Amino acid sequence: MDHNLGKNIAELRKSKGWTQATLAEKLNISDKAVSKWESEAGYPEYTMLPKLADIFGVSLDYLMTGKEVQPEIITMSKAE
């Protein structure tokens, strides 16, 4: 499934039951800015991305891609 930032913002916002105006109020921006992001006519400032992830309770990876990145687990033997 193809994910993009605007689509992810829209899906996360809707999952919270928020309107575009509600999200805009939480970010101290206009609802028109949120609308532009969701329609991909514009994008949030990069400094806004951590705040968006925090508000939605997701990682930056998830916000940007719609997928959680699994941490790489490295095991070492005693011989190493």
Protein backbone atom coordinates (compact mmCIF):
# COMPACT_ATOMS: atom_id res chain seq x y z
CA MET A 1 0.00 0.00 0.00
CA ASP A 2 1.37 3.38 -0.98
CA HIS A 3 1.57 5.88 1.88
CA ASN A 4 2.46 9.52 1.86
CA LEU A 5 2.72 12.24 4.47
CA GLY A 6 -0.53 14.01 3.62
CA LYS A 7 -2.50 10.77 3.58
CA ASN A 8 -0.95 9.70 6.88
CA ILE A 9 -1.81 13.01 8.54
CA ALA A 10 -5.42 12.72 7.31
CA GLU A 11 -5.74 9.11 8.50
CA LEU A 12 -4.21 9.85 11.91
CA ARG A 13 -6.38 12.93 12.35
CA LYS A 14 -9.55 11.03 11.47
CA SER A 15 -8.59 8.15 13.78
CA LYS A 16 -8.60 10.67 16.64
CA GLY A 17 -12.00 11.97 15.56
CA TRP A 18 -10.57 15.44 14.94
CA THR A 19 -11.54 17.94 12.29
CA GLN A 20 -8.89 19.81 10.35
CA ALA A 21 -9.74 22.83 12.51
CA THR A 22 -9.12 20.83 15.70
CA LEU A 23 -5.68 19.70 14.52
CA ALA A 24 -4.88 23.23 13.35
CA GLU A 25 -5.79 24.61 16.77
CA LYS A 26 -3.51 22.11 18.51
CA LEU A 27 -0.65 23.24 16.25
CA ASN A 28 -1.48 26.97 16.32
CA ILE A 29 -1.83 27.11 12.54
CA SER A 30 -4.74 27.62 10.14
CA ASP A 31 -7.07 24.83 9.09
CA LYS A 32 -6.22 25.79 5.51
CA ALA A 33 -2.63 24.70 6.16
CA VAL A 34 -3.84 21.29 7.36
CA SER A 35 -6.06 21.03 4.28
CA LYS A 36 -3.07 21.78 2.02
CA TRP A 37 -0.99 19.09 3.73
CA GLU A 38 -3.71 16.48 3.40
CA SER A 39 -4.30 17.29 -0.27
CA GLU A 40 -0.53 17.46 -0.84
CA ALA A 41 -0.75 21.01 -2.16
CA GLY A 42 1.86 21.79 0.49
CA TYR A 43 3.82 20.20 3.30
CA PRO A 44 4.45 21.02 6.95
CA GLU A 45 7.66 22.76 7.95
CA TYR A 46 10.18 20.10 8.93
CA THR A 47 10.27 21.56 12.44
CA MET A 48 6.55 20.70 12.74
CA LEU A 49 7.07 16.98 12.10
CA PRO A 50 8.15 15.98 15.65
CA LYS A 51 5.19 17.89 17.08
CA LEU A 52 2.80 16.14 14.69
CA ALA A 53 4.23 12.73 15.61
CA ASP A 54 3.90 13.58 19.31
CA ILE A 55 0.30 14.81 18.98
CA PHE A 56 -0.67 11.61 17.17
CA GLY A 57 1.42 9.36 19.44
CA VAL A 58 3.40 7.83 16.58
CA SER A 59 7.05 7.75 15.55
CA LEU A 60 8.46 10.05 12.89
CA ASP A 61 9.00 6.96 10.74
CA TYR A 62 5.33 6.09 10.94
CA LEU A 63 4.24 9.67 10.27
CA MET A 64 6.41 9.83 7.15
CA THR A 65 5.91 6.33 5.73
CA GLY A 66 2.91 4.73 7.40
CA LYS A 67 5.19 1.94 8.62
CA GLU A 68 7.07 1.36 11.84
CA VAL A 69 10.74 0.67 11.31
CA GLN A 70 11.81 -2.39 13.24
CA PRO A 71 15.07 -1.89 15.12
CA GLU A 72 17.89 -4.08 13.95
CA ILE A 73 18.93 -6.51 16.65
CA ILE A 74 22.58 -7.45 16.62
CA THR A 75 23.72 -10.39 18.69
CA MET A 76 27.33 -11.06 19.48
CA SER A 77 28.94 -14.18 20.75
CA LYS A 78 31.55 -14.12 23.50
CA ALA A 79 34.20 -14.95 20.92
CA GLU A 80 33.59 -11.62 19.19
